[in-house]
C-alpha atoms as a PDB file:
ATOM      1  CA  MET A   1      -3.250  16.491  -3.417  1.00  0.00           C
ATOM      2  CA  THR A   2      -0.631  13.911  -4.317  1.00  0.00           C
ATOM      3  CA  SER A   3      -0.026  11.211  -1.639  1.00  0.00           C
ATOM      4  CA  THR A   4       2.903   8.942  -0.776  1.00  0.00           C
ATOM      5  CA  ALA A   5       0.815   6.265  -1.650  1.00  0.00           C
ATOM      6  CA  THR A   6       0.720   7.120  -5.238  1.00  0.00           C
ATOM      7  CA  PRO A   7       3.484   7.792  -7.637  1.00  0.00           C
ATOM      8  CA  ALA A   8       4.682  11.211  -8.474  1.00  0.00           C
ATOM      9  CA  ARG A   9       3.331  10.915 -12.053  1.00  0.00           C
ATOM     10  CA  ALA A  10       0.023   8.991 -11.094  1.00  0.00           C
ATOM     11  CA  ARG A  11      -3.060  10.844 -11.415  1.00  0.00           C
ATOM     12  CA  THR A  12      -5.078  11.650  -8.511  1.00  0.00           C
ATOM     13  CA  LEU A  13      -8.714  10.530  -7.812  1.00  0.00           C
ATOM     14  CA  SER A  14     -11.827  12.309  -6.259  1.00  0.00           C
ATOM     15  CA  TYR A  15     -14.259  10.581  -4.118  1.00  0.00           C
ATOM     16  CA  GLY A  16     -16.875  11.243  -7.015  1.00  0.00           C
ATOM     17  CA  TRP A  17     -14.811  10.047  -9.646  1.00  0.00           C
ATOM     18  CA  PHE A  18     -14.100   6.864  -7.413  1.00  0.00           C
ATOM     19  CA  ALA A  19     -17.791   6.530  -7.026  1.00  0.00           C
ATOM     20  CA  ALA A  20     -18.377   6.930 -11.067  1.00  0.00           C
ATOM     21  CA  ILE A  21     -15.825   4.131 -11.576  1.00  0.00           C
ATOM     22  CA  VAL A  22     -17.660   1.946  -9.155  1.00  0.00           C
ATOM     23  CA  ILE A  23     -20.872   2.408 -10.903  1.00  0.00           C
ATOM     24  CA  ALA A  24     -19.398   1.955 -14.062  1.00  0.00           C
ATOM     25  CA  TYR A  25     -17.890  -1.501 -12.869  1.00  0.00           C
ATOM     26  CA  LEU A  26     -21.433  -2.440 -12.006  1.00  0.00           C
ATOM     27  CA  VAL A  27     -22.807  -1.308 -14.907  1.00  0.00           C
ATOM     28  CA  VAL A  28     -20.566  -3.709 -17.064  1.00  0.00           C
ATOM     29  CA  ILE A  29     -21.112  -6.813 -14.968  1.00  0.00           C
ATOM     30  CA  LYS A  30     -24.805  -6.290 -14.692  1.00  0.00           C
ATOM     31  CA  GLY A  31     -25.295  -5.093 -18.311  1.00  0.00           C
ATOM     32  CA  VAL A  32     -22.932  -7.381 -20.044  1.00  0.00           C
ATOM     33  CA  GLY A  33     -24.472 -10.439 -17.828  1.00  0.00           C
ATOM     34  CA  TYR A  34     -27.752  -9.242 -18.918  1.00  0.00           C
ATOM     35  CA  LEU A  35     -27.100  -9.315 -22.458  1.00  0.00           C
ATOM     36  CA  CYS A  36     -25.620 -12.678 -22.094  1.00  0.00           C
ATOM     37  CA  GLY A  37     -28.498 -14.436 -20.702  1.00  0.00           C
ATOM     38  CA  GLN A  38     -30.597 -12.514 -23.393  1.00  0.00           C
ATOM     39  CA  ILE A  39     -28.622 -13.745 -26.207  1.00  0.00           C
ATOM     40  CA  TRP A  40     -27.517 -17.286 -25.066  1.00  0.00           C
ATOM     41  CA  ASP A  41     -30.861 -17.857 -22.532  1.00  0.00           C
ATOM     42  CA  THR A  42     -28.578 -19.334 -19.963  1.00  0.00           C
ATOM     43  CA  ASN A  43     -30.004 -18.012 -16.610  1.00  0.00           C
ATOM     44  CA  ASP A  44     -30.984 -21.241 -14.749  1.00  0.00           C
ATOM     45  CA  GLY A  45     -27.844 -22.127 -12.996  1.00  0.00           C
ATOM     46  CA  LEU A  46     -24.213 -23.022 -13.415  1.00  0.00           C
ATOM     47  CA  TYR A  47     -24.660 -26.389 -14.708  1.00  0.00           C
ATOM     48  CA  THR A  48     -22.543 -26.846 -17.690  1.00  0.00           C
ATOM     49  CA  THR A  49     -19.315 -25.266 -18.959  1.00  0.00           C
ATOM     50  CA  LYS A  50     -21.216 -23.145 -21.477  1.00  0.00           C
ATOM     51  CA  ASP A  51     -23.420 -21.923 -18.418  1.00  0.00           C
ATOM     52  CA  VAL A  52     -20.038 -20.958 -16.494  1.00  0.00           C
ATOM     53  CA  ILE A  53     -18.477 -19.312 -19.573  1.00  0.00           C
ATOM     54  CA  VAL A  54     -21.670 -17.063 -20.556  1.00  0.00           C
ATOM     55  CA  GLN A  55     -22.937 -16.272 -17.176  1.00  0.00           C
ATOM     56  CA  MET A  56     -19.595 -15.845 -15.588  1.00  0.00           C
ATOM     57  CA  TRP A  57     -16.562 -15.516 -17.818  1.00  0.00           C
ATOM     58  CA  ILE A  58     -17.963 -12.894 -20.247  1.00  0.00           C
ATOM     59  CA  PRO A  59     -19.361 -10.351 -17.494  1.00  0.00           C
ATOM     60  CA  LEU A  60     -16.677 -10.854 -15.060  1.00  0.00           C
ATOM     61  CA  GLY A  61     -13.905 -10.922 -17.873  1.00  0.00           C
ATOM     62  CA  ALA A  62     -15.295  -7.374 -19.100  1.00  0.00           C
ATOM     63  CA  ALA A  63     -15.240  -5.948 -15.454  1.00  0.00           C
ATOM     64  CA  PHE A  64     -11.858  -7.385 -14.960  1.00  0.00           C
ATOM     65  CA  VAL A  65     -10.489  -5.563 -18.065  1.00  0.00           C
ATOM     66  CA  PHE A  66     -12.472  -2.397 -17.051  1.00  0.00           C
ATOM     67  CA  THR A  67     -10.772  -2.459 -13.627  1.00  0.00           C
ATOM     68  CA  TYR A  68      -7.161  -2.614 -15.014  1.00  0.00           C
ATOM     69  CA  ALA A  69      -7.902  -0.248 -17.888  1.00  0.00           C
ATOM     70  CA  VAL A  70      -8.616   2.144 -15.224  1.00  0.00           C
ATOM     71  CA  VAL A  71      -5.653   1.123 -13.224  1.00  0.00           C
ATOM     72  CA  ALA A  72      -3.363   1.826 -16.406  1.00  0.00           C
ATOM     73  CA  VAL A  73      -5.293   5.218 -16.987  1.00  0.00           C
ATOM     74  CA  LEU A  74      -4.416   6.403 -13.503  1.00  0.00           C
ATOM     75  CA  ARG A  75      -0.872   4.744 -13.674  1.00  0.00           C
ATOM     76  CA  TRP A  76      -1.559   3.192 -10.326  1.00  0.00           C
ATOM     77  CA  TRP A  77       0.247  -0.210 -11.143  1.00  0.00           C
ATOM     78  CA  ASP A  78       2.517   0.426  -8.074  1.00  0.00           C
ATOM     79  CA  PRO A  79       0.062   1.503  -5.307  1.00  0.00           C
ATOM     80  CA  VAL A  80      -2.531  -0.987  -6.724  1.00  0.00           C
ATOM     81  CA  LEU A  81      -0.512  -4.190  -6.888  1.00  0.00           C
ATOM     82  CA  ARG A  82       2.090  -3.350  -3.991  1.00  0.00           C
ATOM     83  CA  GLU A  83       1.194  -2.796  -0.388  1.00  0.00           C
ATOM     84  CA  SER A  84       3.558  -0.319   1.363  1.00  0.00           C
ATOM     85  CA  ARG A  85       2.124  -0.467   4.571  1.00  0.00           C
ATOM     86  CA  PRO A  86       2.874  -3.822   6.541  1.00  0.00           C
ATOM     87  CA  VAL A  87       1.124  -5.253   9.553  1.00  0.00           C
ATOM     88  CA  GLN A  88       2.637  -7.429  12.183  1.00  0.00           C
ATOM     89  CA  ARG A  89       3.769 -10.961  11.096  1.00  0.00           C
ATOM     90  CA  TRP A  90       1.074 -12.829  13.171  1.00  0.00           C
ATOM     91  CA  VAL A  91      -1.461 -11.355  10.651  1.00  0.00           C
ATOM     92  CA  TRP A  92      -0.410 -14.212   8.461  1.00  0.00           C
ATOM     93  CA  VAL A  93      -3.080 -16.309  10.480  1.00  0.00           C
ATOM     94  CA  VAL A  94      -5.871 -14.600   8.478  1.00  0.00           C
ATOM     95  CA  PRO A  95      -4.888 -15.995   5.020  1.00  0.00           C
ATOM     96  CA  ILE A  96      -3.845 -19.589   6.606  1.00  0.00           C
ATOM     97  CA  ILE A  97      -7.153 -19.941   8.333  1.00  0.00           C
ATOM     98  CA  PHE A  98      -8.845 -18.913   5.096  1.00  0.00           C
ATOM     99  CA  ALA A  99      -6.808 -21.366   2.883  1.00  0.00           C
ATOM    100  CA  ILE A 100      -7.542 -24.166   5.498  1.00  0.00           C
ATOM    101  CA  CYS A 101     -11.194 -23.491   5.700  1.00  0.00           C
ATOM    102  CA  ILE A 102     -11.222 -23.272   1.657  1.00  0.00           C
ATOM    103  CA  ALA A 103      -9.721 -26.693   1.540  1.00  0.00           C
ATOM    104  CA  ILE A 104     -12.475 -28.043   3.955  1.00  0.00           C
ATOM    105  CA  ALA A 105     -15.455 -26.269   2.382  1.00  0.00           C
ATOM    106  CA  ILE A 106     -15.165 -27.462  -1.479  1.00  0.00           C
ATOM    107  CA  ASP A 107     -17.577 -30.355  -2.479  1.00  0.00           C
ATOM    108  CA  TYR A 108     -14.787 -32.508  -3.939  1.00  0.00           C
ATOM    109  CA  ALA A 109     -17.289 -35.402  -4.258  1.00  0.00           C
ATOM    110  CA  ASP A 110     -20.017 -33.463  -6.549  1.00  0.00           C
ATOM    111  CA  LEU A 111     -17.272 -31.376  -8.112  1.00  0.00           C
ATOM    112  CA  PHE A 112     -15.540 -34.210  -9.500  1.00  0.00           C
ATOM    113  CA  ASP A 113     -18.622 -35.845 -11.106  1.00  0.00           C
ATOM    114  CA  LYS A 114     -18.191 -32.770 -13.348  1.00  0.00           C
ATOM    115  CA  SER A 115     -16.022 -32.910 -16.268  1.00  0.00           C
ATOM    116  CA  LEU A 116     -12.377 -31.392 -16.159  1.00  0.00           C
ATOM    117  CA  GLY A 117     -13.265 -28.484 -18.637  1.00  0.00           C
ATOM    118  CA  TYR A 118     -16.317 -27.444 -16.129  1.00  0.00           C
ATOM    119  CA  ILE A 119     -13.773 -27.632 -13.420  1.00  0.00           C
ATOM    120  CA  LEU A 120     -11.047 -25.450 -14.995  1.00  0.00           C
ATOM    121  CA  ALA A 121     -13.733 -22.849 -16.220  1.00  0.00           C
ATOM    122  CA  LEU A 122     -15.219 -22.449 -12.678  1.00  0.00           C
ATOM    123  CA  LEU A 123     -11.709 -22.210 -11.475  1.00  0.00           C
ATOM    124  CA  VAL A 124     -10.849 -19.291 -14.062  1.00  0.00           C
ATOM    125  CA  ALA A 125     -14.393 -17.712 -13.305  1.00  0.00           C
ATOM    126  CA  THR A 126     -13.893 -17.297  -9.648  1.00  0.00           C
ATOM    127  CA  GLN A 127     -10.293 -16.039 -10.116  1.00  0.00           C
ATOM    128  CA  LEU A 128     -11.925 -13.435 -12.355  1.00  0.00           C
ATOM    129  CA  VAL A 129     -14.176 -12.447  -9.422  1.00  0.00           C
ATOM    130  CA  GLY A 130     -11.233 -12.337  -7.144  1.00  0.00           C
ATOM    131  CA  TRP A 131      -8.986 -10.436  -9.330  1.00  0.00           C
ATOM    132  CA  GLY A 132     -11.732  -7.868 -10.456  1.00  0.00           C
ATOM    133  CA  GLU A 133     -12.905  -7.381  -7.006  1.00  0.00           C
ATOM    134  CA  GLU A 134      -9.658  -7.089  -5.215  1.00  0.00           C
ATOM    135  CA  GLY A 135      -8.400  -4.824  -7.830  1.00  0.00           C
ATOM    136  CA  MET A 136     -11.297  -2.418  -7.768  1.00  0.00           C
ATOM    137  CA  PHE A 137     -11.826  -2.303  -3.873  1.00  0.00           C
ATOM    138  CA  ARG A 138      -8.322  -3.307  -2.277  1.00  0.00           C
ATOM    139  CA  GLY A 139      -6.606  -1.863  -5.040  1.00  0.00           C
ATOM    140  CA  ILE A 140      -8.310   1.292  -6.565  1.00  0.00           C
ATOM    141  CA  GLY A 141     -10.488   1.983  -3.681  1.00  0.00           C
ATOM    142  CA  VAL A 142      -7.786   1.818  -0.769  1.00  0.00           C
ATOM    143  CA  THR A 143      -5.400   3.906  -2.980  1.00  0.00           C
ATOM    144  CA  THR A 144      -7.996   6.378  -3.742  1.00  0.00           C
ATOM    145  CA  LEU A 145      -8.781   6.606   0.051  1.00  0.00           C
ATOM    146  CA  ARG A 146      -5.308   6.678   1.584  1.00  0.00           C
ATOM    147  CA  SER A 147      -4.558   9.481  -1.386  1.00  0.00           C
ATOM    148  CA  HIS A 148      -7.091  11.867   0.584  1.00  0.00           C
ATOM    149  CA  GLY A 149      -5.065  11.224   3.777  1.00  0.00           C
ATOM    150  CA  LEU A 150      -7.341   9.239   5.573  1.00  0.00           C
ATOM    151  CA  THR A 151      -5.946   7.285   8.616  1.00  0.00           C
ATOM    152  CA  GLU A 152      -5.442   3.481   7.840  1.00  0.00           C
ATOM    153  CA  GLY A 153      -8.090   2.491  10.215  1.00  0.00           C
ATOM    154  CA  LYS A 154     -10.633   4.553   8.168  1.00  0.00           C
ATOM    155  CA  VAL A 155      -9.144   3.034   4.945  1.00  0.00           C
ATOM    156  CA  ALA A 156      -9.764  -0.316   6.172  1.00  0.00           C
ATOM    157  CA  LEU A 157     -13.503   0.545   7.373  1.00  0.00           C
ATOM    158  CA  TRP A 158     -14.673   2.520   4.317  1.00  0.00           C
ATOM    159  CA  SER A 159     -13.066   0.253   1.835  1.00  0.00           C
ATOM    160  CA  SER A 160     -14.833  -2.689   3.412  1.00  0.00           C
ATOM    161  CA  ILE A 161     -18.258  -0.791   3.866  1.00  0.00           C
ATOM    162  CA  ILE A 162     -18.216   0.265   0.145  1.00  0.00           C
ATOM    163  CA  PHE A 163     -17.396  -3.424  -1.142  1.00  0.00           C
ATOM    164  CA  GLY A 164     -20.281  -4.770   0.979  1.00  0.00           C
ATOM    165  CA  ALA A 165     -22.647  -1.934  -0.148  1.00  0.00           C
ATOM    166  CA  VAL A 166     -21.780  -2.575  -3.834  1.00  0.00           C
ATOM    167  CA  HIS A 167     -23.067  -6.072  -3.247  1.00  0.00           C
ATOM    168  CA  ILE A 168     -26.531  -4.690  -2.398  1.00  0.00           C
ATOM    169  CA  SER A 169     -26.924  -4.340  -6.317  1.00  0.00           C
ATOM    170  CA  ASN A 170     -27.528  -8.220  -6.206  1.00  0.00           C
ATOM    171  CA  ALA A 171     -31.116  -7.145  -5.211  1.00  0.00           C
ATOM    172  CA  LEU A 172     -31.533  -5.850  -8.665  1.00  0.00           C
ATOM    173  CA  THR A 173     -31.793  -9.625  -9.817  1.00  0.00           C
ATOM    174  CA  GLY A 174     -32.702 -11.191  -6.509  1.00  0.00           C
ATOM    175  CA  ASP A 175     -34.110 -10.846  -3.199  1.00  0.00           C
ATOM    176  CA  LEU A 176     -33.346  -7.526  -1.004  1.00  0.00           C
ATOM    177  CA  SER A 177     -33.903  -9.463   2.157  1.00  0.00           C
ATOM    178  CA  LYS A 178     -31.161 -11.690   0.966  1.00  0.00           C
ATOM    179  CA  ALA A 179     -28.738  -9.145  -0.415  1.00  0.00           C
ATOM    180  CA  LEU A 180     -28.889  -6.926   2.884  1.00  0.00           C
ATOM    181  CA  PRO A 181     -27.334  -9.806   4.820  1.00  0.00           C
ATOM    182  CA  GLN A 182     -25.028 -10.753   2.102  1.00  0.00           C
ATOM    183  CA  ALA A 183     -23.710  -7.217   1.893  1.00  0.00           C
ATOM    184  CA  ILE A 184     -23.065  -7.215   5.790  1.00  0.00           C
ATOM    185  CA  ALA A 185     -21.220 -10.325   5.509  1.00  0.00           C
ATOM    186  CA  VAL A 186     -19.106  -9.181   2.406  1.00  0.00           C
ATOM    187  CA  SER A 187     -18.086  -6.049   4.244  1.00  0.00           C
ATOM    188  CA  PHE A 188     -16.414  -8.382   6.971  1.00  0.00           C
ATOM    189  CA  ALA A 189     -14.736 -10.408   4.095  1.00  0.00           C
ATOM    190  CA  GLY A 190     -13.355  -7.026   2.624  1.00  0.00           C
ATOM    191  CA  TYR A 191     -11.736  -6.339   5.908  1.00  0.00           C
ATOM    192  CA  PHE A 192     -10.244  -9.745   6.050  1.00  0.00           C
ATOM    193  CA  PHE A 193      -8.879  -9.409   2.242  1.00  0.00           C
ATOM    194  CA  TYR A 194      -7.603  -5.923   3.187  1.00  0.00           C
ATOM    195  CA  LEU A 195      -5.529  -7.413   6.004  1.00  0.00           C
ATOM    196  CA  ILE A 196      -4.168 -10.274   3.888  1.00  0.00           C
ATOM    197  CA  ARG A 197      -3.321  -7.560   1.276  1.00  0.00           C
ATOM    198  CA  ARG A 198      -1.225  -5.876   3.883  1.00  0.00           C
ATOM    199  CA  VAL A 199       0.606  -8.657   5.740  1.00  0.00           C
ATOM    200  CA  SER A 200       1.291 -10.441   2.107  1.00  0.00           C
ATOM    201  CA  GLY A 201       2.957  -7.060   0.650  1.00  0.00           C
ATOM    202  CA  GLY A 202       0.656  -6.919  -2.298  1.00  0.00           C
ATOM    203  CA  ASN A 203      -2.886  -7.392  -4.025  1.00  0.00           C
ATOM    204  CA  VAL A 204      -1.793 -10.648  -5.325  1.00  0.00           C
ATOM    205  CA  LEU A 205      -2.784 -13.344  -2.549  1.00  0.00           C
ATOM    206  CA  ASN A 206      -5.822 -11.471  -1.486  1.00  0.00           C
ATOM    207  CA  SER A 207      -7.053 -11.988  -4.966  1.00  0.00           C
ATOM    208  CA  ILE A 208      -6.102 -15.553  -5.084  1.00  0.00           C
ATOM    209  CA  ILE A 209      -7.920 -16.411  -1.927  1.00  0.00           C
ATOM    210  CA  HIS A 210     -10.701 -14.463  -2.628  1.00  0.00           C
ATOM    211  CA  GLY A 211     -11.383 -16.201  -5.781  1.00  0.00           C
ATOM    212  CA  MET A 212     -10.888 -19.825  -4.259  1.00  0.00           C
ATOM    213  CA  PHE A 213     -13.251 -18.629  -1.500  1.00  0.00           C
ATOM    214  CA  ASP A 214     -15.936 -18.018  -4.189  1.00  0.00           C
ATOM    215  CA  PHE A 215     -15.088 -21.610  -5.692  1.00  0.00           C
ATOM    216  CA  SER A 216     -15.459 -23.486  -2.536  1.00  0.00           C
ATOM    217  CA  ILE A 217     -18.889 -21.733  -1.934  1.00  0.00           C
ATOM    218  CA  LEU A 218     -20.097 -22.352  -5.454  1.00  0.00           C
ATOM    219  CA  THR A 219     -19.196 -25.850  -5.055  1.00  0.00           C
ATOM    220  CA  GLY A 220     -21.543 -26.542  -2.282  1.00  0.00           C
ATOM    221  CA  THR A 221     -24.342 -24.785  -3.672  1.00  0.00           C
ATOM    222  CA  ALA A 222     -27.243 -25.755  -5.938  1.00  0.00           C
ATOM    223  CA  LEU A 223     -26.063 -23.088  -8.337  1.00  0.00           C
ATOM    224  CA  LEU A 224     -23.207 -25.901  -9.231  1.00  0.00           C
ATOM    225  CA  VAL A 225     -25.006 -29.312  -9.409  1.00  0.00           C
ATOM    226  CA  ASP A 226     -28.323 -30.175  -8.171  1.00  0.00           C
ATOM    227  CA  GLN A 227     -27.662 -31.382  -4.988  1.00  0.00           C
ATOM    228  CA  GLY A 228     -28.750 -30.442  -1.473  1.00  0.00           C
ATOM    229  CA  ALA A 229     -26.885 -28.444   1.379  1.00  0.00           C
ATOM    230  CA  TYR A 230     -23.480 -29.272   1.582  1.00  0.00           C
ATOM    231  CA  ALA A 231     -22.314 -29.454   5.015  1.00  0.00           C
ATOM    232  CA  GLY A 232     -18.823 -28.733   4.323  1.00  0.00           C
ATOM    233  CA  SER A 233     -19.867 -25.144   3.331  1.00  0.00           C
ATOM    234  CA  ALA A 234     -20.206 -24.358   6.984  1.00  0.00           C
ATOM    235  CA  ALA A 235     -16.310 -24.226   6.787  1.00  0.00           C
ATOM    236  CA  ALA A 236     -16.634 -20.997   4.987  1.00  0.00           C
ATOM    237  CA  ILE A 237     -18.874 -19.317   7.864  1.00  0.00           C
ATOM    238  CA  LEU A 238     -16.289 -20.891  10.237  1.00  0.00           C
ATOM    239  CA  ALA A 239     -13.744 -18.872   8.513  1.00  0.00           C
ATOM    240  CA  TYR A 240     -15.426 -15.717   9.311  1.00  0.00           C
ATOM    241  CA  VAL A 241     -15.958 -16.570  13.020  1.00  0.00           C
ATOM    242  CA  ILE A 242     -12.396 -17.727  13.732  1.00  0.00           C
ATOM    243  CA  VAL A 243     -10.410 -14.882  12.128  1.00  0.00           C
ATOM    244  CA  ALA A 244     -13.155 -12.214  13.742  1.00  0.00           C
ATOM    245  CA  VAL A 245     -12.495 -13.822  17.164  1.00  0.00           C
ATOM    246  CA  VAL A 246      -8.625 -13.708  16.603  1.00  0.00           C
ATOM    247  CA  LEU A 247      -8.728 -10.163  15.321  1.00  0.00           C
ATOM    248  CA  ILE A 248     -10.940  -9.012  18.239  1.00  0.00           C
ATOM    249  CA  ILE A 249      -8.529 -10.518  20.835  1.00  0.00           C
ATOM    250  CA  ARG A 250      -5.523  -9.332  18.844  1.00  0.00           C
ATOM    251  CA  ARG A 251      -6.932  -5.821  17.499  1.00  0.00           C
ATOM    252  CA  LYS A 252      -4.343  -3.904  19.500  1.00  0.00           C
ATOM    253  CA  SER A 253      -1.586  -5.441  17.786  1.00  0.00           C
ATOM    254  CA  ILE A 254      -2.325  -5.363  14.214  1.00  0.00           C
ATOM    255  CA  GLU A 255      -0.252  -2.363  13.180  1.00  0.00           C
ATOM    256  CA  PRO A 256       3.466  -2.380  13.340  1.00  0.00           C
ATOM    257  CA  ALA A 257       4.918  -1.595  16.714  1.00  0.00           C
ATOM    258  CA  PRO A 258       6.271   2.001  16.931  1.00  0.00           C
ATOM    259  CA  ALA A 259       9.900   2.627  16.209  1.00  0.00           C
ATOM    260  CA  ARG A 260      11.963   3.313  19.240  1.00  0.00           C
END
């Protein structure tokens, strides 16, 4: 079935093929990351520029290339990068809140103790996260769900659930008790990024904000520098809470008003 969400010459994608693509995406990240760790023996944290490049650039870069290679094969550049279904203008409050909380959450003092090369490397790495994950889940994922005729509410729900469920894979290299709460939190984040895509008219702003959000979190954790908990990291949690409250209050006025 051809959808209005995809160009006439674009290929369609079954749910099974989408699942296979997502699994392949995870295999690329986990597999390349494992190989990098074995080759360079850098699995102890993100303390140096080399750590960031080996542990983040290479596996995330490979996943980024894989994602947009899939987009190219499917000829989905337009539906992945452009949003044809706007929401009401007040939804701009979502990216604004995220931008403010990101600015607060960054641990500037400890970050600026690092070299400029390190800071730039981490910025690039987290943008690879943002563009890769948004391309896969808000780009390919949303387009796939729309092509099967789902209502926009179901597209938002299932693309967010899939995004969160994928992060359970972190239990393969960590603690399942931590991976499950993270998956739930990521599902909510997926819905917020989905709304940013729709209100901004494309898959660019949500990709940038996603990357910067991860950047702000990393600067406040012991993965970056050997510091204790950074109080400003609470701003990242605050972003979730404020946006959730606003959306609950205004939930009935997200979609465009019916034409008269």
